[in-house]
Every structure is written in structure tokens, then in C-alpha cells.
Amino acid sequence: MPESELNTSNVHLQENRYQPMDVEELQEVSVESLQLALQNANKEIYSLREEISKFKLNEKYLKSNEKSVLYYTGFPEYIYVHNIFQIVEPYLLDHSALSKFQQLLMTLIKLRLDLQFTDLANRFLCHRTTAARIFENTIHVLYCRLKKFSVLARKRRSTT
């Protein structure tokens, strides 16, 4: 191949290569578009979390919905559930898939409505065996912490 043809092909190859400035601009545009996509994804995640929290059975939901307190727990007002929670909270599982309040609430719902563990697991977004284990543990805590109140109530009834 003659030398003149080699030189022209080299020039042609060099023309098709990106210049360093072009690569930097490309990277900048790419980073900016990724940052924008990340911001949009974070906004959507936040929005979806807010939407989910409206349907989540937790303390915030119960505080704002007295009819649900009565339906799910049998107590006429949230304050009764809150008082029981204050008594048993230190003894509930700390490393559970559910918050301590959700553990108590799930147990009260099971006692009131006799729902299956599969149903409770779906409502509280955990596994069926986790729901059963939490129920068993919380029942034990409720018995140990509240049995003295049962004795006091019986004594009051017998003296009146």
C-alpha cells in the first residue's frame, strides 16, 4: 500500500475519534441526566411510601381513626390501646419485622377478629410464620404484664 493512502486512512480514522473535550461533555450530560433520573425516582418512591402509609395498620393510622380502633381492637378509644402499649412495650421484640406497636395491634386484631395468620401477614407485610411467632410472643407478654390487673379487678368486684 502506498504511503499516501496510509496517511489518508489515518486522517480519516482520526476524524472519527472523539476529541477529549467531546468525551467530557458527554460525561457531563450523562451525569446530569442520571442525576435528574435519580431525583425523579426518589420523588416517586417518596410519593409511593406516603400512599402506602395511608393503608398501613400502625399507630398513626389508629390515632386518626376511632372507628377502626373499635373495629380492630374492641376498645372504644385509642387511649386504651395506647395505655396497654405503654405497659407492654419494653417487653416486646425489638428485632422484629414489625414495630412494637404493630406487634401489639396485630395481636389485638387476632384476638378480636380471629383472622388467619396468612391474612394478618398480608395486612402487616410479613411472613405467615413471623405473624404466628409475634402473636405467640405478644400473648405471653400480655399475660405476664396484665395478669395483675385481672386480680385487682376481681378483688374490686368482690368487695362491692
C-alpha atoms as a PDB file:
ATOM      1  CA  MET A   1       0.000   0.000   0.000  1.00  0.00           C
ATOM      2  CA  PRO A   2       1.452   3.347  -0.937  1.00  0.00           C
ATOM      3  CA  GLU A   3       2.344   5.753   1.823  1.00  0.00           C
ATOM      4  CA  SER A   4      -0.104   8.411   0.636  1.00  0.00           C
ATOM      5  CA  GLU A   5      -3.026   6.002   1.080  1.00  0.00           C
ATOM      6  CA  LEU A   6      -1.916   5.164   4.629  1.00  0.00           C
ATOM      7  CA  ASN A   7      -1.770   8.835   5.533  1.00  0.00           C
ATOM      8  CA  THR A   8      -5.263   9.497   4.211  1.00  0.00           C
ATOM      9  CA  SER A   9      -6.706   6.497   6.065  1.00  0.00           C
ATOM     10  CA  ASN A  10      -5.049   7.684   9.304  1.00  0.00           C
ATOM     11  CA  VAL A  11      -6.536  11.122   8.837  1.00  0.00           C
ATOM     12  CA  HIS A  12      -9.933   9.539   8.237  1.00  0.00           C
ATOM     13  CA  LEU A  13      -9.631   7.437  11.433  1.00  0.00           C
ATOM     14  CA  GLN A  14      -8.564  10.447  13.465  1.00  0.00           C
ATOM     15  CA  GLU A  15     -11.558  12.443  12.259  1.00  0.00           C
ATOM     16  CA  ASN A  16     -13.936   9.767  13.594  1.00  0.00           C
ATOM     17  CA  ARG A  17     -12.380   9.692  17.054  1.00  0.00           C
ATOM     18  CA  TYR A  18     -13.867  11.721  19.901  1.00  0.00           C
ATOM     19  CA  GLN A  19     -11.842  14.681  20.968  1.00  0.00           C
ATOM     20  CA  PRO A  20     -11.135  14.866  24.734  1.00  0.00           C
ATOM     21  CA  MET A  21     -13.492  17.827  25.054  1.00  0.00           C
ATOM     22  CA  ASP A  22     -16.313  15.870  23.449  1.00  0.00           C
ATOM     23  CA  VAL A  23     -15.894  12.980  25.911  1.00  0.00           C
ATOM     24  CA  GLU A  24     -16.016  15.360  28.872  1.00  0.00           C
ATOM     25  CA  GLU A  25     -19.164  16.982  27.542  1.00  0.00           C
ATOM     26  CA  LEU A  26     -20.716  13.572  27.021  1.00  0.00           C
ATOM     27  CA  GLN A  27     -19.865  12.548  30.579  1.00  0.00           C
ATOM     28  CA  GLU A  28     -21.292  15.791  31.946  1.00  0.00           C
ATOM     29  CA  VAL A  29     -24.548  15.350  30.055  1.00  0.00           C
ATOM     30  CA  SER A  30     -24.715  11.716  31.109  1.00  0.00           C
ATOM     31  CA  VAL A  31     -24.151  12.571  34.792  1.00  0.00           C
ATOM     32  CA  GLU A  32     -26.766  15.327  34.658  1.00  0.00           C
ATOM     33  CA  SER A  33     -29.335  13.034  33.083  1.00  0.00           C
ATOM     34  CA  LEU A  34     -28.595  10.343  35.663  1.00  0.00           C
ATOM     35  CA  GLN A  35     -28.981  12.855  38.493  1.00  0.00           C
ATOM     36  CA  LEU A  36     -32.303  14.006  37.075  1.00  0.00           C
ATOM     37  CA  ALA A  37     -33.491  10.414  36.711  1.00  0.00           C
ATOM     38  CA  LEU A  38     -32.422   9.720  40.306  1.00  0.00           C
ATOM     39  CA  GLN A  39     -34.307  12.768  41.594  1.00  0.00           C
ATOM     40  CA  ASN A  40     -37.443  11.681  39.739  1.00  0.00           C
ATOM     41  CA  ALA A  41     -37.128   8.135  41.076  1.00  0.00           C
ATOM     42  CA  ASN A  42     -36.683   9.436  44.635  1.00  0.00           C
ATOM     43  CA  LYS A  43     -39.774  11.635  44.290  1.00  0.00           C
ATOM     44  CA  GLU A  44     -41.778   8.656  43.086  1.00  0.00           C
ATOM     45  CA  ILE A  45     -40.505   6.473  45.941  1.00  0.00           C
ATOM     46  CA  TYR A  46     -41.444   9.151  48.478  1.00  0.00           C
ATOM     47  CA  SER A  47     -44.887   9.532  46.927  1.00  0.00           C
ATOM     48  CA  LEU A  48     -45.498   5.775  46.941  1.00  0.00           C
ATOM     49  CA  ARG A  49     -44.365   5.493  50.565  1.00  0.00           C
ATOM     50  CA  GLU A  50     -46.840   8.209  51.524  1.00  0.00           C
ATOM     51  CA  GLU A  51     -49.579   6.353  49.651  1.00  0.00           C
ATOM     52  CA  ILE A  52     -48.737   3.044  51.338  1.00  0.00           C
ATOM     53  CA  SER A  53     -48.673   4.628  54.795  1.00  0.00           C
ATOM     54  CA  LYS A  54     -52.326   5.601  54.366  1.00  0.00           C
ATOM     55  CA  PHE A  55     -53.245   1.915  54.246  1.00  0.00           C
ATOM     56  CA  LYS A  56     -50.747   0.626  56.777  1.00  0.00           C
ATOM     57  CA  LEU A  57     -52.054  -0.624  60.103  1.00  0.00           C
ATOM     58  CA  ASN A  58     -49.910   1.315  62.546  1.00  0.00           C
ATOM     59  CA  GLU A  59     -50.109   3.811  65.389  1.00  0.00           C
ATOM     60  CA  LYS A  60     -50.562   6.822  63.106  1.00  0.00           C
ATOM     61  CA  TYR A  61     -53.483   5.168  61.314  1.00  0.00           C
ATOM     62  CA  LEU A  62     -55.182   4.124  64.555  1.00  0.00           C
ATOM     63  CA  LYS A  63     -54.800   7.544  66.205  1.00  0.00           C
ATOM     64  CA  SER A  64     -56.634   9.193  63.343  1.00  0.00           C
ATOM     65  CA  ASN A  65     -59.450   6.663  63.016  1.00  0.00           C
ATOM     66  CA  GLU A  66     -61.529   5.946  66.143  1.00  0.00           C
ATOM     67  CA  LYS A  67     -63.968   3.679  64.270  1.00  0.00           C
ATOM     68  CA  SER A  68     -61.059   1.463  63.284  1.00  0.00           C
ATOM     69  CA  VAL A  69     -59.895   1.310  66.907  1.00  0.00           C
ATOM     70  CA  LEU A  70     -63.243  -0.126  67.939  1.00  0.00           C
ATOM     71  CA  TYR A  71     -63.478  -2.474  64.965  1.00  0.00           C
ATOM     72  CA  TYR A  72     -59.951  -3.879  65.102  1.00  0.00           C
ATOM     73  CA  THR A  73     -59.332  -3.936  68.868  1.00  0.00           C
ATOM     74  CA  GLY A  74     -62.710  -3.804  70.592  1.00  0.00           C
ATOM     75  CA  PHE A  75     -61.618  -0.795  72.648  1.00  0.00           C
ATOM     76  CA  PRO A  76     -63.832   2.289  72.367  1.00  0.00           C
ATOM     77  CA  GLU A  77     -60.921   4.753  72.134  1.00  0.00           C
ATOM     78  CA  TYR A  78     -57.294   4.811  71.090  1.00  0.00           C
ATOM     79  CA  ILE A  79     -56.149   5.781  74.609  1.00  0.00           C
ATOM     80  CA  TYR A  80     -56.918   2.267  75.884  1.00  0.00           C
ATOM     81  CA  VAL A  81     -54.665   0.699  73.268  1.00  0.00           C
ATOM     82  CA  HIS A  82     -52.005   3.313  73.995  1.00  0.00           C
ATOM     83  CA  ASN A  83     -52.109   2.595  77.751  1.00  0.00           C
ATOM     84  CA  ILE A  84     -51.723  -1.136  77.192  1.00  0.00           C
ATOM     85  CA  PHE A  85     -48.868  -0.431  74.810  1.00  0.00           C
ATOM     86  CA  GLN A  86     -47.102   1.675  77.459  1.00  0.00           C
ATOM     87  CA  ILE A  87     -47.244  -1.270  79.872  1.00  0.00           C
ATOM     88  CA  VAL A  88     -46.019  -3.977  77.486  1.00  0.00           C
ATOM     89  CA  GLU A  89     -43.739  -2.018  75.114  1.00  0.00           C
ATOM     90  CA  PRO A  90     -40.440  -2.666  76.958  1.00  0.00           C
ATOM     91  CA  TYR A  91     -41.042  -6.421  76.769  1.00  0.00           C
ATOM     92  CA  LEU A  92     -41.961  -6.756  73.091  1.00  0.00           C
ATOM     93  CA  LEU A  93     -39.481  -7.948  70.473  1.00  0.00           C
ATOM     94  CA  ASP A  94     -37.084  -5.248  69.334  1.00  0.00           C
ATOM     95  CA  HIS A  95     -35.670  -7.025  66.300  1.00  0.00           C
ATOM     96  CA  SER A  96     -38.939  -7.936  64.631  1.00  0.00           C
ATOM     97  CA  ALA A  97     -40.190  -7.235  61.106  1.00  0.00           C
ATOM     98  CA  LEU A  98     -42.936  -5.160  62.750  1.00  0.00           C
ATOM     99  CA  SER A  99     -42.715  -2.208  65.093  1.00  0.00           C
ATOM    100  CA  LYS A 100     -43.572  -2.900  68.716  1.00  0.00           C
ATOM    101  CA  PHE A 101     -46.905  -1.132  68.289  1.00  0.00           C
ATOM    102  CA  GLN A 102     -47.717  -3.214  65.211  1.00  0.00           C
ATOM    103  CA  GLN A 103     -46.927  -6.370  67.199  1.00  0.00           C
ATOM    104  CA  LEU A 104     -49.496  -5.389  69.822  1.00  0.00           C
ATOM    105  CA  LEU A 105     -52.016  -4.271  67.220  1.00  0.00           C
ATOM    106  CA  MET A 106     -51.691  -7.497  65.237  1.00  0.00           C
ATOM    107  CA  THR A 107     -52.264  -9.500  68.421  1.00  0.00           C
ATOM    108  CA  LEU A 108     -55.323  -7.456  69.388  1.00  0.00           C
ATOM    109  CA  ILE A 109     -56.724  -7.888  65.873  1.00  0.00           C
ATOM    110  CA  LYS A 110     -56.168 -11.649  66.057  1.00  0.00           C
ATOM    111  CA  LEU A 111     -57.955 -11.800  69.414  1.00  0.00           C
ATOM    112  CA  ARG A 112     -60.862  -9.601  68.271  1.00  0.00           C
ATOM    113  CA  LEU A 113     -61.462 -10.841  64.714  1.00  0.00           C
ATOM    114  CA  ASP A 114     -59.799 -14.279  64.812  1.00  0.00           C
ATOM    115  CA  LEU A 115     -58.143 -13.709  61.435  1.00  0.00           C
ATOM    116  CA  GLN A 116     -55.870 -16.376  59.988  1.00  0.00           C
ATOM    117  CA  PHE A 117     -52.121 -15.789  60.243  1.00  0.00           C
ATOM    118  CA  THR A 118     -51.935 -15.651  56.447  1.00  0.00           C
ATOM    119  CA  ASP A 119     -54.397 -12.751  56.446  1.00  0.00           C
ATOM    120  CA  LEU A 120     -52.530 -10.961  59.239  1.00  0.00           C
ATOM    121  CA  ALA A 121     -49.238 -11.488  57.425  1.00  0.00           C
ATOM    122  CA  ASN A 122     -50.693  -9.902  54.290  1.00  0.00           C
ATOM    123  CA  ARG A 123     -52.067  -6.940  56.232  1.00  0.00           C
ATOM    124  CA  PHE A 124     -48.796  -6.334  58.069  1.00  0.00           C
ATOM    125  CA  LEU A 125     -46.484  -7.188  55.152  1.00  0.00           C
ATOM    126  CA  CYS A 126     -44.624 -10.029  56.831  1.00  0.00           C
ATOM    127  CA  HIS A 127     -44.399 -13.813  56.502  1.00  0.00           C
ATOM    128  CA  ARG A 128     -47.110 -16.056  57.957  1.00  0.00           C
ATOM    129  CA  THR A 129     -44.690 -17.743  60.355  1.00  0.00           C
ATOM    130  CA  THR A 130     -43.465 -14.332  61.508  1.00  0.00           C
ATOM    131  CA  ALA A 131     -47.048 -13.306  62.287  1.00  0.00           C
ATOM    132  CA  ALA A 132     -47.592 -16.522  64.267  1.00  0.00           C
ATOM    133  CA  ARG A 133     -44.332 -16.106  66.204  1.00  0.00           C
ATOM    134  CA  ILE A 134     -45.096 -12.468  67.029  1.00  0.00           C
ATOM    135  CA  PHE A 135     -48.617 -13.375  68.161  1.00  0.00           C
ATOM    136  CA  GLU A 136     -47.309 -16.108  70.451  1.00  0.00           C
ATOM    137  CA  ASN A 137     -44.676 -13.832  71.968  1.00  0.00           C
ATOM    138  CA  THR A 138     -47.059 -10.896  72.421  1.00  0.00           C
ATOM    139  CA  ILE A 139     -49.741 -13.070  74.052  1.00  0.00           C
ATOM    140  CA  HIS A 140     -47.115 -14.236  76.546  1.00  0.00           C
ATOM    141  CA  VAL A 141     -46.064 -10.636  77.272  1.00  0.00           C
ATOM    142  CA  LEU A 142     -49.689  -9.518  77.656  1.00  0.00           C
ATOM    143  CA  TYR A 143     -50.395 -12.357  80.081  1.00  0.00           C
ATOM    144  CA  CYS A 144     -47.297 -11.718  82.192  1.00  0.00           C
ATOM    145  CA  ARG A 145     -47.745  -7.930  82.317  1.00  0.00           C
ATOM    146  CA  LEU A 146     -51.541  -7.665  82.610  1.00  0.00           C
ATOM    147  CA  LYS A 147     -52.487 -10.603  84.863  1.00  0.00           C
ATOM    148  CA  LYS A 148     -52.060  -8.459  87.986  1.00  0.00           C
ATOM    149  CA  PHE A 149     -54.724  -6.086  86.641  1.00  0.00           C
ATOM    150  CA  SER A 150     -57.143  -9.006  86.350  1.00  0.00           C
ATOM    151  CA  VAL A 151     -56.571  -9.914  90.003  1.00  0.00           C
ATOM    152  CA  LEU A 152     -57.132  -6.288  91.051  1.00  0.00           C
ATOM    153  CA  ALA A 153     -60.369  -6.117  89.064  1.00  0.00           C
ATOM    154  CA  ARG A 154     -61.666  -9.332  90.664  1.00  0.00           C
ATOM    155  CA  LYS A 155     -60.838  -8.021  94.151  1.00  0.00           C
ATOM    156  CA  ARG A 156     -62.706  -4.775  93.451  1.00  0.00           C
ATOM    157  CA  ARG A 157     -65.781  -6.659  92.218  1.00  0.00           C
ATOM    158  CA  SER A 158     -65.846  -8.954  95.258  1.00  0.00           C
ATOM    159  CA  THR A 159     -65.629  -6.034  97.719  1.00  0.00           C
ATOM    160  CA  THR A 160     -68.531  -4.097  96.158  1.00  0.00           C
END
